[in-house]
Amino acid sequence: MEMEMEKCEVCKNESGNFFKIMKSDKIHVFDSFECAIHAVAPRCHHCQCRIIGHGVEGDNTIYCCLHCVRQAEKVNFRDQELPLLFA
């Protein structure tokens, strides 16, 4: 039985070792977590780094950390796990 060959949508590597991620009803194919992060991880609204953890979000905006929230002078944002209110 021949293994199906897929192509990573980021690096275009063809490999039998691939995985798929569904996001917004679209299927993405990758050969590494690095490529998946590059393609589908959100960016911090302040510093533009890729957010690979929970991040901090509110008002339809996501930040990588509270430092970036404070730099953007936003209040009433919350961590996805713990409510955070600060001035």
PDB file of N, CA and C in Angstrom:
ATOM      1  N   MET A   1       0.851  -1.178   0.000  1.00  0.00           N
ATOM      2  CA  MET A   1       0.000   0.000   0.000  1.00  0.00           C
ATOM      3  C   MET A   1       0.894   1.238   0.000  1.00  0.00           C
ATOM      4  N   GLU A   2       0.665   2.133  -0.935  1.00  0.00           N
ATOM      5  CA  GLU A   2       1.471   3.341  -1.049  1.00  0.00           C
ATOM      6  C   GLU A   2       0.899   4.428  -0.155  1.00  0.00           C
ATOM      7  N   MET A   3       1.790   5.137   0.568  1.00  0.00           N
ATOM      8  CA  MET A   3       1.373   6.189   1.471  1.00  0.00           C
ATOM      9  C   MET A   3       0.997   7.440   0.676  1.00  0.00           C
ATOM     10  N   GLU A   4      -0.098   8.067   1.067  1.00  0.00           N
ATOM     11  CA  GLU A   4      -0.552   9.292   0.411  1.00  0.00           C
ATOM     12  C   GLU A   4       0.459  10.411   0.661  1.00  0.00           C
ATOM     13  N   MET A   5       0.839  11.131  -0.385  1.00  0.00           N
ATOM     14  CA  MET A   5       1.784  12.230  -0.248  1.00  0.00           C
ATOM     15  C   MET A   5       1.018  13.544  -0.233  1.00  0.00           C
ATOM     16  N   GLU A   6       1.191  14.291   0.809  1.00  0.00           N
ATOM     17  CA  GLU A   6       0.574  15.611   0.933  1.00  0.00           C
ATOM     18  C   GLU A   6       1.678  16.652   0.820  1.00  0.00           C
ATOM     19  N   LYS A   7       1.285  17.893   0.653  1.00  0.00           N
ATOM     20  CA  LYS A   7       2.243  18.979   0.554  1.00  0.00           C
ATOM     21  C   LYS A   7       1.910  20.022   1.620  1.00  0.00           C
ATOM     22  N   CYS A   8       2.930  20.414   2.395  1.00  0.00           N
ATOM     23  CA  CYS A   8       2.742  21.442   3.415  1.00  0.00           C
ATOM     24  C   CYS A   8       2.399  22.757   2.719  1.00  0.00           C
ATOM     25  N   GLU A   9       1.368  23.427   3.211  1.00  0.00           N
ATOM     26  CA  GLU A   9       0.946  24.665   2.557  1.00  0.00           C
ATOM     27  C   GLU A   9       1.908  25.820   2.802  1.00  0.00           C
ATOM     28  N   VAL A  10       2.817  25.701   3.770  1.00  0.00           N
ATOM     29  CA  VAL A  10       3.770  26.781   4.040  1.00  0.00           C
ATOM     30  C   VAL A  10       5.098  26.544   3.329  1.00  0.00           C
ATOM     31  N   CYS A  11       5.736  25.408   3.607  1.00  0.00           N
ATOM     32  CA  CYS A  11       7.077  25.163   3.047  1.00  0.00           C
ATOM     33  C   CYS A  11       7.056  24.337   1.768  1.00  0.00           C
ATOM     34  N   LYS A  12       5.892  23.806   1.419  1.00  0.00           N
ATOM     35  CA  LYS A  12       5.691  23.003   0.203  1.00  0.00           C
ATOM     36  C   LYS A  12       6.421  21.663   0.231  1.00  0.00           C
ATOM     37  N   ASN A  13       6.899  21.258   1.404  1.00  0.00           N
ATOM     38  CA  ASN A  13       7.541  19.958   1.546  1.00  0.00           C
ATOM     39  C   ASN A  13       6.500  18.865   1.304  1.00  0.00           C
ATOM     40  N   GLU A  14       6.861  17.871   0.518  1.00  0.00           N
ATOM     41  CA  GLU A  14       5.985  16.722   0.297  1.00  0.00           C
ATOM     42  C   GLU A  14       6.459  15.611   1.207  1.00  0.00           C
ATOM     43  N   SER A  15       5.559  15.112   2.005  1.00  0.00           N
ATOM     44  CA  SER A  15       5.957  14.146   3.019  1.00  0.00           C
ATOM     45  C   SER A  15       4.796  13.232   3.359  1.00  0.00           C
ATOM     46  N   GLY A  16       5.117  12.051   3.804  1.00  0.00           N
ATOM     47  CA  GLY A  16       4.094  11.159   4.315  1.00  0.00           C
ATOM     48  C   GLY A  16       3.746  11.506   5.745  1.00  0.00           C
ATOM     49  N   ASN A  17       4.570  12.356   6.375  1.00  0.00           N
ATOM     50  CA  ASN A  17       4.345  12.777   7.761  1.00  0.00           C
ATOM     51  C   ASN A  17       3.709  14.159   7.759  1.00  0.00           C
ATOM     52  N   PHE A  18       2.401  14.215   7.744  1.00  0.00           N
ATOM     53  CA  PHE A  18       1.700  15.479   7.726  1.00  0.00           C
ATOM     54  C   PHE A  18       0.551  15.420   8.715  1.00  0.00           C
ATOM     55  N   PHE A  19       0.006  16.572   9.031  1.00  0.00           N
ATOM     56  CA  PHE A  19      -1.206  16.628   9.851  1.00  0.00           C
ATOM     57  C   PHE A  19      -2.075  17.757   9.322  1.00  0.00           C
ATOM     58  N   LYS A  20      -3.331  17.712   9.703  1.00  0.00           N
ATOM     59  CA  LYS A  20      -4.290  18.688   9.207  1.00  0.00           C
ATOM     60  C   LYS A  20      -4.931  19.420  10.371  1.00  0.00           C
ATOM     61  N   ILE A  21      -5.196  20.695  10.149  1.00  0.00           N
ATOM     62  CA  ILE A  21      -5.884  21.531  11.125  1.00  0.00           C
ATOM     63  C   ILE A  21      -7.082  22.150  10.420  1.00  0.00           C
ATOM     64  N   MET A  22      -8.238  22.085  11.072  1.00  0.00           N
ATOM     65  CA  MET A  22      -9.416  22.737  10.513  1.00  0.00           C
ATOM     66  C   MET A  22      -9.623  24.041  11.269  1.00  0.00           C
ATOM     67  N   LYS A  23      -9.709  25.138  10.523  1.00  0.00           N
ATOM     68  CA  LYS A  23      -9.959  26.456  11.117  1.00  0.00           C
ATOM     69  C   LYS A  23     -10.947  27.179  10.220  1.00  0.00           C
ATOM     70  N   SER A  24     -12.034  27.623  10.799  1.00  0.00           N
ATOM     71  CA  SER A  24     -13.085  28.332  10.046  1.00  0.00           C
ATOM     72  C   SER A  24     -13.529  27.531   8.833  1.00  0.00           C
ATOM     73  N   ASP A  25     -13.781  26.250   9.035  1.00  0.00           N
ATOM     74  CA  ASP A  25     -14.268  25.340   7.989  1.00  0.00           C
ATOM     75  C   ASP A  25     -13.292  25.141   6.831  1.00  0.00           C
ATOM     76  N   LYS A  26     -12.025  25.523   7.008  1.00  0.00           N
ATOM     77  CA  LYS A  26     -11.005  25.280   5.986  1.00  0.00           C
ATOM     78  C   LYS A  26      -9.981  24.311   6.553  1.00  0.00           C
ATOM     79  N   ILE A  27      -9.580  23.330   5.764  1.00  0.00           N
ATOM     80  CA  ILE A  27      -8.585  22.350   6.198  1.00  0.00           C
ATOM     81  C   ILE A  27      -7.204  22.802   5.723  1.00  0.00           C
ATOM     82  N   HIS A  28      -6.260  22.879   6.677  1.00  0.00           N
ATOM     83  CA  HIS A  28      -4.885  23.261   6.401  1.00  0.00           C
ATOM     84  C   HIS A  28      -4.004  22.023   6.574  1.00  0.00           C
ATOM     85  N   VAL A  29      -2.997  21.857   5.721  1.00  0.00           N
ATOM     86  CA  VAL A  29      -2.088  20.710   5.776  1.00  0.00           C
ATOM     87  C   VAL A  29      -0.684  21.214   6.074  1.00  0.00           C
ATOM     88  N   PHE A  30      -0.024  20.590   7.070  1.00  0.00           N
ATOM     89  CA  PHE A  30       1.318  20.994   7.493  1.00  0.00           C
ATOM     90  C   PHE A  30       2.186  19.770   7.736  1.00  0.00           C
ATOM     91  N   ASP A  31       3.500  19.999   7.664  1.00  0.00           N
ATOM     92  CA  ASP A  31       4.431  18.917   7.993  1.00  0.00           C
ATOM     93  C   ASP A  31       5.151  19.186   9.310  1.00  0.00           C
ATOM     94  N   SER A  32       4.909  20.348   9.933  1.00  0.00           N
ATOM     95  CA  SER A  32       5.546  20.660  11.217  1.00  0.00           C
ATOM     96  C   SER A  32       4.689  21.667  11.982  1.00  0.00           C
ATOM     97  N   PHE A  33       4.876  21.699  13.300  1.00  0.00           N
ATOM     98  CA  PHE A  33       4.178  22.693  14.113  1.00  0.00           C
ATOM     99  C   PHE A  33       4.665  24.091  13.756  1.00  0.00           C
ATOM    100  N   GLU A  34       5.933  24.218  13.407  1.00  0.00           N
ATOM    101  CA  GLU A  34       6.482  25.517  13.014  1.00  0.00           C
ATOM    102  C   GLU A  34       5.691  26.106  11.841  1.00  0.00           C
ATOM    103  N   CYS A  35       5.432  25.313  10.834  1.00  0.00           N
ATOM    104  CA  CYS A  35       4.667  25.790   9.679  1.00  0.00           C
ATOM    105  C   CYS A  35       3.220  26.101  10.064  1.00  0.00           C
ATOM    106  N   ALA A  36       2.636  25.269  10.933  1.00  0.00           N
ATOM    107  CA  ALA A  36       1.261  25.502  11.372  1.00  0.00           C
ATOM    108  C   ALA A  36       1.149  26.825  12.132  1.00  0.00           C
ATOM    109  N   ILE A  37       2.099  27.086  13.024  1.00  0.00           N
ATOM    110  CA  ILE A  37       2.099  28.339  13.775  1.00  0.00           C
ATOM    111  C   ILE A  37       2.218  29.516  12.827  1.00  0.00           C
ATOM    112  N   HIS A  38       3.116  29.415  11.878  1.00  0.00           N
ATOM    113  CA  HIS A  38       3.314  30.492  10.905  1.00  0.00           C
ATOM    114  C   HIS A  38       2.018  30.791  10.144  1.00  0.00           C
ATOM    115  N   ALA A  39       1.272  29.763   9.815  1.00  0.00           N
ATOM    116  CA  ALA A  39       0.087  29.934   8.978  1.00  0.00           C
ATOM    117  C   ALA A  39      -1.180  30.299   9.738  1.00  0.00           C
ATOM    118  N   VAL A  40      -1.409  29.726  10.914  1.00  0.00           N
ATOM    119  CA  VAL A  40      -2.723  29.893  11.539  1.00  0.00           C
ATOM    120  C   VAL A  40      -2.733  30.550  12.918  1.00  0.00           C
ATOM    121  N   ALA A  41      -1.576  30.731  13.560  1.00  0.00           N
ATOM    122  CA  ALA A  41      -1.580  31.364  14.881  1.00  0.00           C
ATOM    123  C   ALA A  41      -1.887  32.856  14.749  1.00  0.00           C
ATOM    124  N   PRO A  42      -2.715  33.387  15.640  1.00  0.00           N
ATOM    125  CA  PRO A  42      -3.021  34.818  15.576  1.00  0.00           C
ATOM    126  C   PRO A  42      -1.808  35.651  15.971  1.00  0.00           C
ATOM    127  N   ARG A  43      -1.809  36.921  15.592  1.00  0.00           N
ATOM    128  CA  ARG A  43      -0.739  37.850  15.959  1.00  0.00           C
ATOM    129  C   ARG A  43      -1.234  38.802  17.045  1.00  0.00           C
ATOM    130  N   CYS A  44      -0.315  39.176  17.929  1.00  0.00           N
ATOM    131  CA  CYS A  44      -0.603  40.159  18.975  1.00  0.00           C
ATOM    132  C   CYS A  44      -0.937  41.493  18.314  1.00  0.00           C
ATOM    133  N   HIS A  45      -1.995  42.125  18.783  1.00  0.00           N
ATOM    134  CA  HIS A  45      -2.431  43.405  18.224  1.00  0.00           C
ATOM    135  C   HIS A  45      -1.383  44.501  18.451  1.00  0.00           C
ATOM    136  N   HIS A  46      -0.568  44.366  19.509  1.00  0.00           N
ATOM    137  CA  HIS A  46       0.427  45.404  19.823  1.00  0.00           C
ATOM    138  C   HIS A  46       1.796  45.118  19.203  1.00  0.00           C
ATOM    139  N   CYS A  47       2.390  43.953  19.494  1.00  0.00           N
ATOM    140  CA  CYS A  47       3.777  43.690  19.061  1.00  0.00           C
ATOM    141  C   CYS A  47       3.869  42.805  17.819  1.00  0.00           C
ATOM    142  N   GLN A  48       2.762  42.244  17.386  1.00  0.00           N
ATOM    143  CA  GLN A  48       2.674  41.413  16.182  1.00  0.00           C
ATOM    144  C   GLN A  48       3.344  40.039  16.290  1.00  0.00           C
ATOM    145  N   CYS A  49       3.758  39.616  17.502  1.00  0.00           N
ATOM    146  CA  CYS A  49       4.326  38.269  17.625  1.00  0.00           C
ATOM    147  C   CYS A  49       3.217  37.237  17.472  1.00  0.00           C
ATOM    148  N   ARG A  50       3.587  36.019  17.109  1.00  0.00           N
ATOM    149  CA  ARG A  50       2.609  34.931  16.997  1.00  0.00           C
ATOM    150  C   ARG A  50       2.214  34.483  18.389  1.00  0.00           C
ATOM    151  N   ILE A  51       0.932  34.286  18.600  1.00  0.00           N
ATOM    152  CA  ILE A  51       0.424  33.854  19.897  1.00  0.00           C
ATOM    153  C   ILE A  51       0.187  32.353  19.822  1.00  0.00           C
ATOM    154  N   ILE A  52       0.997  31.596  20.581  1.00  0.00           N
ATOM    155  CA  ILE A  52       0.855  30.148  20.559  1.00  0.00           C
ATOM    156  C   ILE A  52       0.291  29.613  21.874  1.00  0.00           C
ATOM    157  N   GLY A  53      -0.010  30.507  22.790  1.00  0.00           N
ATOM    158  CA  GLY A  53      -0.643  30.122  24.050  1.00  0.00           C
ATOM    159  C   GLY A  53      -2.047  30.695  24.107  1.00  0.00           C
ATOM    160  N   HIS A  54      -2.524  30.969  25.321  1.00  0.00           N
ATOM    161  CA  HIS A  54      -3.878  31.485  25.495  1.00  0.00           C
ATOM    162  C   HIS A  54      -4.015  32.924  25.036  1.00  0.00           C
ATOM    163  N   GLY A  55      -3.010  33.753  25.295  1.00  0.00           N
ATOM    164  CA  GLY A  55      -3.131  35.161  24.982  1.00  0.00           C
ATOM    165  C   GLY A  55      -4.104  35.857  25.928  1.00  0.00           C
ATOM    166  N   VAL A  56      -4.293  37.137  25.707  1.00  0.00           N
ATOM    167  CA  VAL A  56      -5.213  37.964  26.480  1.00  0.00           C
ATOM    168  C   VAL A  56      -6.137  38.607  25.461  1.00  0.00           C
ATOM    169  N   GLU A  57      -7.445  38.464  25.660  1.00  0.00           N
ATOM    170  CA  GLU A  57      -8.351  38.988  24.642  1.00  0.00           C
ATOM    171  C   GLU A  57      -9.563  39.674  25.226  1.00  0.00           C
ATOM    172  N   GLY A  58     -10.140  40.514  24.417  1.00  0.00           N
ATOM    173  CA  GLY A  58     -11.352  41.229  24.756  1.00  0.00           C
ATOM    174  C   GLY A  58     -11.659  42.212  23.648  1.00  0.00           C
ATOM    175  N   ASP A  59     -12.900  42.610  23.545  1.00  0.00           N
ATOM    176  CA  ASP A  59     -13.313  43.553  22.499  1.00  0.00           C
ATOM    177  C   ASP A  59     -12.843  43.108  21.113  1.00  0.00           C
ATOM    178  N   ASN A  60     -12.870  41.796  20.854  1.00  0.00           N
ATOM    179  CA  ASN A  60     -12.457  41.226  19.567  1.00  0.00           C
ATOM    180  C   ASN A  60     -11.001  41.530  19.200  1.00  0.00           C
ATOM    181  N   THR A  61     -10.152  41.739  20.209  1.00  0.00           N
ATOM    182  CA  THR A  61      -8.724  42.001  20.004  1.00  0.00           C
ATOM    183  C   THR A  61      -7.948  41.028  20.866  1.00  0.00           C
ATOM    184  N   ILE A  62      -6.822  40.531  20.352  1.00  0.00           N
ATOM    185  CA  ILE A  62      -6.013  39.589  21.124  1.00  0.00           C
ATOM    186  C   ILE A  62      -4.580  40.114  21.254  1.00  0.00           C
ATOM    187  N   TYR A  63      -4.026  39.931  22.452  1.00  0.00           N
ATOM    188  CA  TYR A  63      -2.653  40.336  22.769  1.00  0.00           C
ATOM    189  C   TYR A  63      -1.916  39.117  23.303  1.00  0.00           C
ATOM    190  N   CYS A  64      -0.591  39.130  23.190  1.00  0.00           N
ATOM    191  CA  CYS A  64       0.193  37.990  23.666  1.00  0.00           C
ATOM    192  C   CYS A  64       0.330  37.978  25.186  1.00  0.00           C
ATOM    193  N   CYS A  65       0.288  39.171  25.825  1.00  0.00           N
ATOM    194  CA  CYS A  65       0.517  39.242  27.266  1.00  0.00           C
ATOM    195  C   CYS A  65      -0.082  40.529  27.828  1.00  0.00           C
ATOM    196  N   LEU A  66      -0.119  40.630  29.154  1.00  0.00           N
ATOM    197  CA  LEU A  66      -0.654  41.824  29.796  1.00  0.00           C
ATOM    198  C   LEU A  66       0.211  43.049  29.532  1.00  0.00           C
ATOM    199  N   HIS A  67       1.503  42.860  29.359  1.00  0.00           N
ATOM    200  CA  HIS A  67       2.382  43.988  29.039  1.00  0.00           C
ATOM    201  C   HIS A  67       1.901  44.687  27.764  1.00  0.00           C
ATOM    202  N   CYS A  68       1.593  43.916  26.734  1.00  0.00           N
ATOM    203  CA  CYS A  68       1.119  44.517  25.482  1.00  0.00           C
ATOM    204  C   CYS A  68      -0.253  45.161  25.641  1.00  0.00           C
ATOM    205  N   VAL A  69      -1.104  44.570  26.483  1.00  0.00           N
ATOM    206  CA  VAL A  69      -2.401  45.196  26.767  1.00  0.00           C
ATOM    207  C   VAL A  69      -2.159  46.556  27.405  1.00  0.00           C
ATOM    208  N   ARG A  70      -1.271  46.600  28.394  1.00  0.00           N
ATOM    209  CA  ARG A  70      -0.985  47.873  29.075  1.00  0.00           C
ATOM    210  C   ARG A  70      -0.362  48.878  28.115  1.00  0.00           C
ATOM    211  N   GLN A  71       0.538  48.423  27.247  1.00  0.00           N
ATOM    212  CA  GLN A  71       1.161  49.321  26.272  1.00  0.00           C
ATOM    213  C   GLN A  71       0.122  49.911  25.321  1.00  0.00           C
ATOM    214  N   ALA A  72      -0.902  49.148  25.032  1.00  0.00           N
ATOM    215  CA  ALA A  72      -1.978  49.630  24.157  1.00  0.00           C
ATOM    216  C   ALA A  72      -3.018  50.436  24.942  1.00  0.00           C
ATOM    217  N   GLU A  73      -2.787  50.563  26.266  1.00  0.00           N
ATOM    218  CA  GLU A  73      -3.657  51.332  27.154  1.00  0.00           C
ATOM    219  C   GLU A  73      -5.102  50.845  27.129  1.00  0.00           C
ATOM    220  N   LYS A  74      -5.259  49.535  27.168  1.00  0.00           N
ATOM    221  CA  LYS A  74      -6.588  48.935  27.207  1.00  0.00           C
ATOM    222  C   LYS A  74      -6.911  48.511  28.620  1.00  0.00           C
ATOM    223  N   VAL A  75      -8.163  48.571  28.995  1.00  0.00           N
ATOM    224  CA  VAL A  75      -8.617  48.116  30.310  1.00  0.00           C
ATOM    225  C   VAL A  75      -9.765  47.145  30.113  1.00  0.00           C
ATOM    226  N   ASN A  76     -10.091  46.442  31.177  1.00  0.00           N
ATOM    227  CA  ASN A  76     -11.184  45.478  31.181  1.00  0.00           C
ATOM    228  C   ASN A  76     -10.972  44.329  30.195  1.00  0.00           C
ATOM    229  N   PHE A  77      -9.729  43.952  29.972  1.00  0.00           N
ATOM    230  CA  PHE A  77      -9.430  42.759  29.190  1.00  0.00           C
ATOM    231  C   PHE A  77      -9.291  41.618  30.163  1.00  0.00           C
ATOM    232  N   ARG A  78      -9.437  40.401  29.662  1.00  0.00           N
ATOM    233  CA  ARG A  78      -9.319  39.258  30.557  1.00  0.00           C
ATOM    234  C   ARG A  78      -8.508  38.160  29.903  1.00  0.00           C
ATOM    235  N   ASP A  79      -7.781  37.434  30.743  1.00  0.00           N
ATOM    236  CA  ASP A  79      -7.116  36.219  30.315  1.00  0.00           C
ATOM    237  C   ASP A  79      -8.219  35.215  30.025  1.00  0.00           C
ATOM    238  N   GLN A  80      -8.002  34.289  29.141  1.00  0.00           N
ATOM    239  CA  GLN A  80      -9.040  33.322  28.822  1.00  0.00           C
ATOM    240  C   GLN A  80      -9.400  32.442  30.016  1.00  0.00           C
ATOM    241  N   GLU A  81      -8.521  32.348  30.986  1.00  0.00           N
ATOM    242  CA  GLU A  81      -8.804  31.497  32.128  1.00  0.00           C
ATOM    243  C   GLU A  81      -9.180  32.276  33.388  1.00  0.00           C
ATOM    244  N   LEU A  82      -8.602  33.472  33.600  1.00  0.00           N
ATOM    245  CA  LEU A  82      -8.854  34.223  34.813  1.00  0.00           C
ATOM    246  C   LEU A  82      -9.289  35.652  34.475  1.00  0.00           C
ATOM    247  N   PRO A  83     -10.351  36.156  35.132  1.00  0.00           N
ATOM    248  CA  PRO A  83     -10.751  37.543  34.871  1.00  0.00           C
ATOM    249  C   PRO A  83      -9.675  38.503  35.410  1.00  0.00           C
ATOM    250  N   LEU A  84      -9.337  39.520  34.641  1.00  0.00           N
ATOM    251  CA  LEU A  84      -8.322  40.481  35.039  1.00  0.00           C
ATOM    252  C   LEU A  84      -8.870  41.883  34.817  1.00  0.00           C
ATOM    253  N   LEU A  85      -8.917  42.652  35.858  1.00  0.00           N
ATOM    254  CA  LEU A  85      -9.312  44.057  35.746  1.00  0.00           C
ATOM    255  C   LEU A  85      -8.184  44.880  36.327  1.00  0.00           C
ATOM    256  N   PHE A  86      -7.729  45.875  35.627  1.00  0.00           N
ATOM    257  CA  PHE A  86      -6.650  46.705  36.105  1.00  0.00           C
ATOM    258  C   PHE A  86      -6.796  48.105  35.531  1.00  0.00           C
ATOM    259  N   ALA A  87      -6.151  49.057  36.191  1.00  0.00           N
ATOM    260  CA  ALA A  87      -6.230  50.452  35.716  1.00  0.00           C
ATOM    261  C   ALA A  87      -4.999  50.817  34.937  1.00  0.00           C
TER     262      ALA A  87
END
